[in-house]
Amino acid sequence: MPSITCSECAAVCCRLEVLCITDTGIHPRYLHPSEHGVAAMRRLDDGWCAALDHARMCCGIYPQRPLICRQFEMGGVDCIAVREAFANRAEVGHDRGYNR
């Protein structure tokens, strides 16, 4: 199986719900209150993270990104699982706003 790189990915991790459990200096325009009582990354109507730079398909707030994004390892177990789950949902037409 070929190795996974962020530059060759559809950035499906940028469609997950991301709770901000630590303060990393994220501008409030990227946040919204979650049902869990903590701030979460705001997602656009199409399901993408509001901080995603669509032109470059990378994080527009990389130095301030949430802790969970910092810990999400490219090609790691979670990355592979999310990519597979997203591919399975996309096959049956459920890819909009994917949230595991």
PDB file of N, CA and C in Angstrom:
ATOM      1  N   MET A   1       0.847  -1.167   0.000  1.00  0.00           N
ATOM      2  CA  MET A   1       0.000   0.000   0.000  1.00  0.00           C
ATOM      3  C   MET A   1       0.900   1.239   0.000  1.00  0.00           C
ATOM      4  N   PRO A   2       0.601   2.229  -0.869  1.00  0.00           N
ATOM      5  CA  PRO A   2       1.448   3.419  -0.921  1.00  0.00           C
ATOM      6  C   PRO A   2       1.317   4.242   0.359  1.00  0.00           C
ATOM      7  N   SER A   3       2.384   4.949   0.690  1.00  0.00           N
ATOM      8  CA  SER A   3       2.324   5.782   1.893  1.00  0.00           C
ATOM      9  C   SER A   3       1.383   6.961   1.660  1.00  0.00           C
ATOM     10  N   ILE A   4       0.795   7.446   2.726  1.00  0.00           N
ATOM     11  CA  ILE A   4      -0.162   8.549   2.663  1.00  0.00           C
ATOM     12  C   ILE A   4       0.571   9.849   2.956  1.00  0.00           C
ATOM     13  N   THR A   5       0.315  10.850   2.135  1.00  0.00           N
ATOM     14  CA  THR A   5       0.847  12.180   2.402  1.00  0.00           C
ATOM     15  C   THR A   5      -0.296  13.177   2.352  1.00  0.00           C
ATOM     16  N   CYS A   6      -0.212  14.204   3.169  1.00  0.00           N
ATOM     17  CA  CYS A   6      -1.268  15.223   3.206  1.00  0.00           C
ATOM     18  C   CYS A   6      -1.396  15.932   1.863  1.00  0.00           C
ATOM     19  N   SER A   7      -0.282  16.095   1.147  1.00  0.00           N
ATOM     20  CA  SER A   7      -0.322  16.813  -0.125  1.00  0.00           C
ATOM     21  C   SER A   7      -1.054  16.034  -1.215  1.00  0.00           C
ATOM     22  N   GLU A   8      -1.262  14.739  -1.009  1.00  0.00           N
ATOM     23  CA  GLU A   8      -1.954  13.914  -1.997  1.00  0.00           C
ATOM     24  C   GLU A   8      -3.265  13.367  -1.454  1.00  0.00           C
ATOM     25  N   CYS A   9      -3.818  14.021  -0.441  1.00  0.00           N
ATOM     26  CA  CYS A   9      -5.026  13.550   0.219  1.00  0.00           C
ATOM     27  C   CYS A   9      -6.182  14.501  -0.053  1.00  0.00           C
ATOM     28  N   ALA A  10      -7.379  14.017   0.120  1.00  0.00           N
ATOM     29  CA  ALA A  10      -8.577  14.851  -0.034  1.00  0.00           C
ATOM     30  C   ALA A  10      -8.898  15.609   1.246  1.00  0.00           C
ATOM     31  N   ALA A  11      -7.994  15.595   2.209  1.00  0.00           N
ATOM     32  CA  ALA A  11      -8.133  16.323   3.479  1.00  0.00           C
ATOM     33  C   ALA A  11      -9.409  15.958   4.224  1.00  0.00           C
ATOM     34  N   VAL A  12      -9.753  14.679   4.234  1.00  0.00           N
ATOM     35  CA  VAL A  12     -10.980  14.270   4.918  1.00  0.00           C
ATOM     36  C   VAL A  12     -10.924  14.543   6.415  1.00  0.00           C
ATOM     37  N   CYS A  13      -9.737  14.616   6.997  1.00  0.00           N
ATOM     38  CA  CYS A  13      -9.633  14.950   8.423  1.00  0.00           C
ATOM     39  C   CYS A  13     -10.169  16.355   8.685  1.00  0.00           C
ATOM     40  N   CYS A  14     -10.214  17.189   7.665  1.00  0.00           N
ATOM     41  CA  CYS A  14     -10.714  18.567   7.800  1.00  0.00           C
ATOM     42  C   CYS A  14     -12.234  18.637   7.736  1.00  0.00           C
ATOM     43  N   ARG A  15     -12.884  17.479   7.787  1.00  0.00           N
ATOM     44  CA  ARG A  15     -14.341  17.426   7.822  1.00  0.00           C
ATOM     45  C   ARG A  15     -14.859  16.851   9.138  1.00  0.00           C
ATOM     46  N   LEU A  16     -13.962  16.496  10.028  1.00  0.00           N
ATOM     47  CA  LEU A  16     -14.349  15.933  11.320  1.00  0.00           C
ATOM     48  C   LEU A  16     -14.698  17.040  12.306  1.00  0.00           C
ATOM     49  N   GLU A  17     -15.521  16.711  13.301  1.00  0.00           N
ATOM     50  CA  GLU A  17     -15.773  17.664  14.377  1.00  0.00           C
ATOM     51  C   GLU A  17     -14.507  17.759  15.226  1.00  0.00           C
ATOM     52  N   VAL A  18     -14.045  18.975  15.459  1.00  0.00           N
ATOM     53  CA  VAL A  18     -12.822  19.196  16.230  1.00  0.00           C
ATOM     54  C   VAL A  18     -13.150  20.048  17.443  1.00  0.00           C
ATOM     55  N   LEU A  19     -13.026  19.446  18.620  1.00  0.00           N
ATOM     56  CA  LEU A  19     -13.243  20.172  19.871  1.00  0.00           C
ATOM     57  C   LEU A  19     -11.922  20.788  20.308  1.00  0.00           C
ATOM     58  N   CYS A  20     -11.975  22.016  20.771  1.00  0.00           N
ATOM     59  CA  CYS A  20     -10.770  22.743  21.187  1.00  0.00           C
ATOM     60  C   CYS A  20     -10.670  22.699  22.704  1.00  0.00           C
ATOM     61  N   ILE A  21      -9.949  21.706  23.213  1.00  0.00           N
ATOM     62  CA  ILE A  21      -9.873  21.513  24.663  1.00  0.00           C
ATOM     63  C   ILE A  21      -8.730  22.295  25.299  1.00  0.00           C
ATOM     64  N   THR A  22      -7.868  22.885  24.482  1.00  0.00           N
ATOM     65  CA  THR A  22      -6.794  23.748  24.980  1.00  0.00           C
ATOM     66  C   THR A  22      -6.819  25.049  24.189  1.00  0.00           C
ATOM     67  N   ASP A  23      -6.297  26.106  24.765  1.00  0.00           N
ATOM     68  CA  ASP A  23      -6.250  27.401  24.089  1.00  0.00           C
ATOM     69  C   ASP A  23      -4.954  27.501  23.302  1.00  0.00           C
ATOM     70  N   THR A  24      -5.069  27.543  21.982  1.00  0.00           N
ATOM     71  CA  THR A  24      -3.884  27.674  21.137  1.00  0.00           C
ATOM     72  C   THR A  24      -3.868  29.007  20.405  1.00  0.00           C
ATOM     73  N   GLY A  25      -4.778  29.908  20.768  1.00  0.00           N
ATOM     74  CA  GLY A  25      -4.809  31.225  20.142  1.00  0.00           C
ATOM     75  C   GLY A  25      -5.602  31.282  18.853  1.00  0.00           C
ATOM     76  N   ILE A  26      -6.557  30.378  18.688  1.00  0.00           N
ATOM     77  CA  ILE A  26      -7.378  30.356  17.475  1.00  0.00           C
ATOM     78  C   ILE A  26      -8.301  31.566  17.477  1.00  0.00           C
ATOM     79  N   HIS A  27      -8.351  32.264  16.360  1.00  0.00           N
ATOM     80  CA  HIS A  27      -9.215  33.439  16.238  1.00  0.00           C
ATOM     81  C   HIS A  27     -10.671  32.999  16.389  1.00  0.00           C
ATOM     82  N   PRO A  28     -11.477  33.776  17.126  1.00  0.00           N
ATOM     83  CA  PRO A  28     -12.881  33.408  17.363  1.00  0.00           C
ATOM     84  C   PRO A  28     -13.712  33.190  16.096  1.00  0.00           C
ATOM     85  N   ARG A  29     -13.327  33.776  14.975  1.00  0.00           N
ATOM     86  CA  ARG A  29     -14.109  33.576  13.742  1.00  0.00           C
ATOM     87  C   ARG A  29     -14.085  32.119  13.266  1.00  0.00           C
ATOM     88  N   TYR A  30     -13.122  31.349  13.756  1.00  0.00           N
ATOM     89  CA  TYR A  30     -13.025  29.935  13.376  1.00  0.00           C
ATOM     90  C   TYR A  30     -13.725  29.013  14.372  1.00  0.00           C
ATOM     91  N   LEU A  31     -14.288  29.565  15.427  1.00  0.00           N
ATOM     92  CA  LEU A  31     -14.863  28.759  16.504  1.00  0.00           C
ATOM     93  C   LEU A  31     -16.369  28.931  16.624  1.00  0.00           C
ATOM     94  N   HIS A  32     -17.000  27.937  17.226  1.00  0.00           N
ATOM     95  CA  HIS A  32     -18.415  28.022  17.597  1.00  0.00           C
ATOM     96  C   HIS A  32     -18.611  27.155  18.839  1.00  0.00           C
ATOM     97  N   PRO A  33     -19.665  27.425  19.615  1.00  0.00           N
ATOM     98  CA  PRO A  33     -19.905  26.601  20.803  1.00  0.00           C
ATOM     99  C   PRO A  33     -20.375  25.204  20.392  1.00  0.00           C
ATOM    100  N   SER A  34     -19.849  24.196  21.047  1.00  0.00           N
ATOM    101  CA  SER A  34     -20.271  22.827  20.742  1.00  0.00           C
ATOM    102  C   SER A  34     -21.328  22.382  21.739  1.00  0.00           C
ATOM    103  N   GLU A  35     -21.972  21.276  21.441  1.00  0.00           N
ATOM    104  CA  GLU A  35     -22.960  20.712  22.364  1.00  0.00           C
ATOM    105  C   GLU A  35     -22.292  20.110  23.594  1.00  0.00           C
ATOM    106  N   HIS A  36     -20.954  20.024  23.577  1.00  0.00           N
ATOM    107  CA  HIS A  36     -20.201  19.441  24.693  1.00  0.00           C
ATOM    108  C   HIS A  36     -19.732  20.493  25.692  1.00  0.00           C
ATOM    109  N   GLY A  37     -20.092  21.760  25.449  1.00  0.00           N
ATOM    110  CA  GLY A  37     -19.739  22.827  26.374  1.00  0.00           C
ATOM    111  C   GLY A  37     -18.357  23.429  26.179  1.00  0.00           C
ATOM    112  N   VAL A  38     -17.667  23.042  25.127  1.00  0.00           N
ATOM    113  CA  VAL A  38     -16.365  23.635  24.804  1.00  0.00           C
ATOM    114  C   VAL A  38     -16.426  24.180  23.385  1.00  0.00           C
ATOM    115  N   ALA A  39     -15.472  25.022  23.053  1.00  0.00           N
ATOM    116  CA  ALA A  39     -15.415  25.557  21.691  1.00  0.00           C
ATOM    117  C   ALA A  39     -15.060  24.440  20.712  1.00  0.00           C
ATOM    118  N   ALA A  40     -15.585  24.552  19.513  1.00  0.00           N
ATOM    119  CA  ALA A  40     -15.268  23.613  18.438  1.00  0.00           C
ATOM    120  C   ALA A  40     -14.899  24.421  17.205  1.00  0.00           C
ATOM    121  N   MET A  41     -14.149  23.810  16.329  1.00  0.00           N
ATOM    122  CA  MET A  41     -13.829  24.473  15.069  1.00  0.00           C
ATOM    123  C   MET A  41     -15.115  24.591  14.257  1.00  0.00           C
ATOM    124  N   ARG A  42     -15.346  25.783  13.724  1.00  0.00           N
ATOM    125  CA  ARG A  42     -16.526  26.020  12.898  1.00  0.00           C
ATOM    126  C   ARG A  42     -16.325  25.310  11.561  1.00  0.00           C
ATOM    127  N   ARG A  43     -17.404  24.741  11.065  1.00  0.00           N
ATOM    128  CA  ARG A  43     -17.367  24.116   9.742  1.00  0.00           C
ATOM    129  C   ARG A  43     -18.279  24.887   8.808  1.00  0.00           C
ATOM    130  N   LEU A  44     -17.895  24.943   7.569  1.00  0.00           N
ATOM    131  CA  LEU A  44     -18.678  25.633   6.557  1.00  0.00           C
ATOM    132  C   LEU A  44     -19.891  24.794   6.179  1.00  0.00           C
ATOM    133  N   ASP A  45     -20.804  25.371   5.431  1.00  0.00           N
ATOM    134  CA  ASP A  45     -22.019  24.656   5.026  1.00  0.00           C
ATOM    135  C   ASP A  45     -21.717  23.371   4.269  1.00  0.00           C
ATOM    136  N   ASP A  46     -20.583  23.320   3.578  1.00  0.00           N
ATOM    137  CA  ASP A  46     -20.224  22.122   2.816  1.00  0.00           C
ATOM    138  C   ASP A  46     -19.506  21.077   3.669  1.00  0.00           C
ATOM    139  N   GLY A  47     -19.336  21.358   4.976  1.00  0.00           N
ATOM    140  CA  GLY A  47     -18.728  20.387   5.880  1.00  0.00           C
ATOM    141  C   GLY A  47     -17.250  20.579   6.137  1.00  0.00           C
ATOM    142  N   TRP A  48     -16.578  21.421   5.368  1.00  0.00           N
ATOM    143  CA  TRP A  48     -15.141  21.634   5.538  1.00  0.00           C
ATOM    144  C   TRP A  48     -14.858  22.530   6.732  1.00  0.00           C
ATOM    145  N   CYS A  49     -13.729  22.330   7.368  1.00  0.00           N
ATOM    146  CA  CYS A  49     -13.266  23.193   8.453  1.00  0.00           C
ATOM    147  C   CYS A  49     -13.099  24.613   7.916  1.00  0.00           C
ATOM    148  N   ALA A  50     -13.550  25.595   8.693  1.00  0.00           N
ATOM    149  CA  ALA A  50     -13.466  26.992   8.272  1.00  0.00           C
ATOM    150  C   ALA A  50     -12.020  27.470   8.143  1.00  0.00           C
ATOM    151  N   ALA A  51     -11.077  26.776   8.767  1.00  0.00           N
ATOM    152  CA  ALA A  51      -9.669  27.179   8.701  1.00  0.00           C
ATOM    153  C   ALA A  51      -8.922  26.552   7.526  1.00  0.00           C
ATOM    154  N   LEU A  52      -9.573  25.689   6.773  1.00  0.00           N
ATOM    155  CA  LEU A  52      -8.905  25.041   5.645  1.00  0.00           C
ATOM    156  C   LEU A  52      -8.675  26.043   4.522  1.00  0.00           C
ATOM    157  N   ASP A  53      -7.456  26.122   4.041  1.00  0.00           N
ATOM    158  CA  ASP A  53      -7.118  26.931   2.872  1.00  0.00           C
ATOM    159  C   ASP A  53      -7.394  26.048   1.657  1.00  0.00           C
ATOM    160  N   HIS A  54      -8.528  26.271   1.002  1.00  0.00           N
ATOM    161  CA  HIS A  54      -8.943  25.400  -0.107  1.00  0.00           C
ATOM    162  C   HIS A  54      -7.988  25.458  -1.292  1.00  0.00           C
ATOM    163  N   ALA A  55      -7.376  26.587  -1.529  1.00  0.00           N
ATOM    164  CA  ALA A  55      -6.469  26.722  -2.670  1.00  0.00           C
ATOM    165  C   ALA A  55      -5.247  25.818  -2.528  1.00  0.00           C
ATOM    166  N   ARG A  56      -4.747  25.690  -1.307  1.00  0.00           N
ATOM    167  CA  ARG A  56      -3.556  24.868  -1.067  1.00  0.00           C
ATOM    168  C   ARG A  56      -3.874  23.551  -0.374  1.00  0.00           C
ATOM    169  N   MET A  57      -5.137  23.355   0.024  1.00  0.00           N
ATOM    170  CA  MET A  57      -5.578  22.167   0.760  1.00  0.00           C
ATOM    171  C   MET A  57      -4.695  21.915   1.979  1.00  0.00           C
ATOM    172  N   CYS A  58      -4.527  22.981   2.765  1.00  0.00           N
ATOM    173  CA  CYS A  58      -3.772  22.854   4.010  1.00  0.00           C
ATOM    174  C   CYS A  58      -4.386  23.791   5.046  1.00  0.00           C
ATOM    175  N   CYS A  59      -3.971  23.644   6.263  1.00  0.00           N
ATOM    176  CA  CYS A  59      -4.518  24.432   7.362  1.00  0.00           C
ATOM    177  C   CYS A  59      -4.072  25.885   7.260  1.00  0.00           C
ATOM    178  N   GLY A  60      -5.047  26.793   7.283  1.00  0.00           N
ATOM    179  CA  GLY A  60      -4.750  28.213   7.213  1.00  0.00           C
ATOM    180  C   GLY A  60      -4.316  28.809   8.541  1.00  0.00           C
ATOM    181  N   ILE A  61      -4.436  28.036   9.624  1.00  0.00           N
ATOM    182  CA  ILE A  61      -4.019  28.503  10.957  1.00  0.00           C
ATOM    183  C   ILE A  61      -3.048  27.498  11.585  1.00  0.00           C
ATOM    184  N   TYR A  62      -2.205  26.901  10.780  1.00  0.00           N
ATOM    185  CA  TYR A  62      -1.341  25.809  11.212  1.00  0.00           C
ATOM    186  C   TYR A  62      -0.629  26.062  12.549  1.00  0.00           C
ATOM    187  N   PRO A  63      -0.001  27.237  12.764  1.00  0.00           N
ATOM    188  CA  PRO A  63       0.682  27.441  14.050  1.00  0.00           C
ATOM    189  C   PRO A  63      -0.266  27.456  15.258  1.00  0.00           C
ATOM    190  N   GLN A  64      -1.540  27.782  15.037  1.00  0.00           N
ATOM    191  CA  GLN A  64      -2.512  27.851  16.130  1.00  0.00           C
ATOM    192  C   GLN A  64      -3.513  26.697  16.113  1.00  0.00           C
ATOM    193  N   ARG A  65      -3.312  25.711  15.272  1.00  0.00           N
ATOM    194  CA  ARG A  65      -4.300  24.639  15.118  1.00  0.00           C
ATOM    195  C   ARG A  65      -4.572  23.945  16.450  1.00  0.00           C
ATOM    196  N   PRO A  66      -5.763  23.362  16.592  1.00  0.00           N
ATOM    197  CA  PRO A  66      -6.128  22.682  17.844  1.00  0.00           C
ATOM    198  C   PRO A  66      -5.202  21.505  18.166  1.00  0.00           C
ATOM    199  N   LEU A  67      -5.170  21.146  19.434  1.00  0.00           N
ATOM    200  CA  LEU A  67      -4.331  20.047  19.906  1.00  0.00           C
ATOM    201  C   LEU A  67      -4.622  18.752  19.151  1.00  0.00           C
ATOM    202  N   ILE A  68      -5.889  18.428  18.946  1.00  0.00           N
ATOM    203  CA  ILE A  68      -6.226  17.172  18.263  1.00  0.00           C
ATOM    204  C   ILE A  68      -5.670  17.150  16.841  1.00  0.00           C
ATOM    205  N   CYS A  69      -5.641  18.302  16.192  1.00  0.00           N
ATOM    206  CA  CYS A  69      -5.067  18.379  14.844  1.00  0.00           C
ATOM    207  C   CYS A  69      -3.553  18.178  14.896  1.00  0.00           C
ATOM    208  N   ARG A  70      -2.933  18.671  15.953  1.00  0.00           N
ATOM    209  CA  ARG A  70      -1.484  18.491  16.123  1.00  0.00           C
ATOM    210  C   ARG A  70      -1.142  17.022  16.349  1.00  0.00           C
ATOM    211  N   GLN A  71      -2.040  16.301  17.006  1.00  0.00           N
ATOM    212  CA  GLN A  71      -1.785  14.900  17.346  1.00  0.00           C
ATOM    213  C   GLN A  71      -2.220  13.927  16.253  1.00  0.00           C
ATOM    214  N   PHE A  72      -2.978  14.405  15.271  1.00  0.00           N
ATOM    215  CA  PHE A  72      -3.474  13.551  14.197  1.00  0.00           C
ATOM    216  C   PHE A  72      -2.315  13.252  13.252  1.00  0.00           C
ATOM    217  N   GLU A  73      -1.808  12.036  13.311  1.00  0.00           N
ATOM    218  CA  GLU A  73      -0.604  11.664  12.580  1.00  0.00           C
ATOM    219  C   GLU A  73      -0.905  11.286  11.130  1.00  0.00           C
ATOM    220  N   MET A  74      -0.240  11.957  10.197  1.00  0.00           N
ATOM    221  CA  MET A  74      -0.387  11.647   8.785  1.00  0.00           C
ATOM    222  C   MET A  74      -0.024  10.180   8.544  1.00  0.00           C
ATOM    223  N   GLY A  75      -0.955   9.424   7.966  1.00  0.00           N
ATOM    224  CA  GLY A  75      -0.717   8.019   7.685  1.00  0.00           C
ATOM    225  C   GLY A  75      -0.854   7.117   8.897  1.00  0.00           C
ATOM    226  N   GLY A  76      -1.219   7.682  10.047  1.00  0.00           N
ATOM    227  CA  GLY A  76      -1.385   6.905  11.269  1.00  0.00           C
ATOM    228  C   GLY A  76      -2.695   6.125  11.262  1.00  0.00           C
ATOM    229  N   VAL A  77      -2.936   5.404  12.319  1.00  0.00           N
ATOM    230  CA  VAL A  77      -4.123   4.554  12.434  1.00  0.00           C
ATOM    231  C   VAL A  77      -5.406   5.363  12.248  1.00  0.00           C
ATOM    232  N   ASP A  78      -5.513   6.506  12.940  1.00  0.00           N
ATOM    233  CA  ASP A  78      -6.722   7.329  12.817  1.00  0.00           C
ATOM    234  C   ASP A  78      -6.876   7.887  11.406  1.00  0.00           C
ATOM    235  N   CYS A  79      -5.788   8.330  10.818  1.00  0.00           N
ATOM    236  CA  CYS A  79      -5.808   8.868   9.455  1.00  0.00           C
ATOM    237  C   CYS A  79      -6.340   7.824   8.473  1.00  0.00           C
ATOM    238  N   ILE A  80      -5.818   6.633   8.552  1.00  0.00           N
ATOM    239  CA  ILE A  80      -6.246   5.558   7.651  1.00  0.00           C
ATOM    240  C   ILE A  80      -7.712   5.213   7.887  1.00  0.00           C
ATOM    241  N   ALA A  81      -8.120   5.133   9.150  1.00  0.00           N
ATOM    242  CA  ALA A  81      -9.514   4.799   9.474  1.00  0.00           C
ATOM    243  C   ALA A  81     -10.475   5.864   8.946  1.00  0.00           C
ATOM    244  N   VAL A  82     -10.125   7.132   9.106  1.00  0.00           N
ATOM    245  CA  VAL A  82     -10.984   8.217   8.628  1.00  0.00           C
ATOM    246  C   VAL A  82     -11.079   8.193   7.108  1.00  0.00           C
ATOM    247  N   ARG A  83      -9.960   7.981   6.445  1.00  0.00           N
ATOM    248  CA  ARG A  83      -9.961   7.926   4.971  1.00  0.00           C
ATOM    249  C   ARG A  83     -10.835   6.770   4.475  1.00  0.00           C
ATOM    250  N   GLU A  84     -10.723   5.609   5.108  1.00  0.00           N
ATOM    251  CA  GLU A  84     -11.526   4.452   4.696  1.00  0.00           C
ATOM    252  C   GLU A  84     -13.004   4.689   4.963  1.00  0.00           C
ATOM    253  N   ALA A  85     -13.328   5.229   6.128  1.00  0.00           N
ATOM    254  CA  ALA A  85     -14.730   5.503   6.461  1.00  0.00           C
ATOM    255  C   ALA A  85     -15.315   6.529   5.503  1.00  0.00           C
ATOM    256  N   PHE A  86     -14.553   7.550   5.181  1.00  0.00           N
ATOM    257  CA  PHE A  86     -15.027   8.578   4.258  1.00  0.00           C
ATOM    258  C   PHE A  86     -15.240   7.986   2.869  1.00  0.00           C
ATOM    259  N   ALA A  87     -14.314   7.150   2.419  1.00  0.00           N
ATOM    260  CA  ALA A  87     -14.449   6.523   1.099  1.00  0.00           C
ATOM    261  C   ALA A  87     -15.698   5.652   1.050  1.00  0.00           C
ATOM    262  N   ASN A  88     -15.968   4.904   2.115  1.00  0.00           N
ATOM    263  CA  ASN A  88     -17.160   4.052   2.160  1.00  0.00           C
ATOM    264  C   ASN A  88     -18.430   4.882   2.136  1.00  0.00           C
ATOM    265  N   ARG A  89     -18.456   6.000   2.861  1.00  0.00           N
ATOM    266  CA  ARG A  89     -19.634   6.873   2.876  1.00  0.00           C
ATOM    267  C   ARG A  89     -19.818   7.547   1.525  1.00  0.00           C
ATOM    268  N   ALA A  90     -18.726   7.961   0.897  1.00  0.00           N
ATOM    269  CA  ALA A  90     -18.807   8.638  -0.394  1.00  0.00           C
ATOM    270  C   ALA A  90     -19.369   7.708  -1.463  1.00  0.00           C
ATOM    271  N   GLU A  91     -19.055   6.423  -1.359  1.00  0.00           N
ATOM    272  CA  GLU A  91     -19.555   5.451  -2.333  1.00  0.00           C
ATOM    273  C   GLU A  91     -21.073   5.373  -2.325  1.00  0.00           C
ATOM    274  N   VAL A  92     -21.687   5.619  -1.171  1.00  0.00           N
ATOM    275  CA  VAL A  92     -23.149   5.556  -1.081  1.00  0.00           C
ATOM    276  C   VAL A  92     -23.772   6.949  -1.002  1.00  0.00           C
ATOM    277  N   GLY A  93     -22.964   7.989  -1.245  1.00  0.00           N
ATOM    278  CA  GLY A  93     -23.491   9.343  -1.333  1.00  0.00           C
ATOM    279  C   GLY A  93     -23.690  10.069  -0.025  1.00  0.00           C
ATOM    280  N   HIS A  94     -22.948   9.702   1.004  1.00  0.00           N
ATOM    281  CA  HIS A  94     -23.094  10.349   2.311  1.00  0.00           C
ATOM    282  C   HIS A  94     -21.835  11.112   2.711  1.00  0.00           C
ATOM    283  N   ASP A  95     -21.174  11.781   1.783  1.00  0.00           N
ATOM    284  CA  ASP A  95     -19.907  12.431   2.118  1.00  0.00           C
ATOM    285  C   ASP A  95     -20.054  13.859   2.612  1.00  0.00           C
ATOM    286  N   ARG A  96     -21.187  14.493   2.451  1.00  0.00           N
ATOM    287  CA  ARG A  96     -21.342  15.891   2.858  1.00  0.00           C
ATOM    288  C   ARG A  96     -21.278  16.020   4.382  1.00  0.00           C
ATOM    289  N   GLY A  97     -20.348  16.831   4.851  1.00  0.00           N
ATOM    290  CA  GLY A  97     -20.243  17.102   6.276  1.00  0.00           C
ATOM    291  C   GLY A  97     -19.914  15.886   7.114  1.00  0.00           C
ATOM    292  N   TYR A  98     -19.090  15.002   6.624  1.00  0.00           N
ATOM    293  CA  TYR A  98     -18.765  13.776   7.337  1.00  0.00           C
ATOM    294  C   TYR A  98     -18.322  14.065   8.756  1.00  0.00           C
ATOM    295  N   ASN A  99     -18.851  13.308   9.668  1.00  0.00           N
ATOM    296  CA  ASN A  99     -18.518  13.424  11.082  1.00  0.00           C
ATOM    297  C   ASN A  99     -18.569  12.027  11.675  1.00  0.00           C
ATOM    298  N   ARG A 100     -17.462  11.570  12.236  1.00  0.00           N
ATOM    299  CA  ARG A 100     -17.482  10.208  12.762  1.00  0.00           C
ATOM    300  C   ARG A 100     -18.062  10.127  14.117  1.00  0.00           C
TER     301      ARG A 100
END
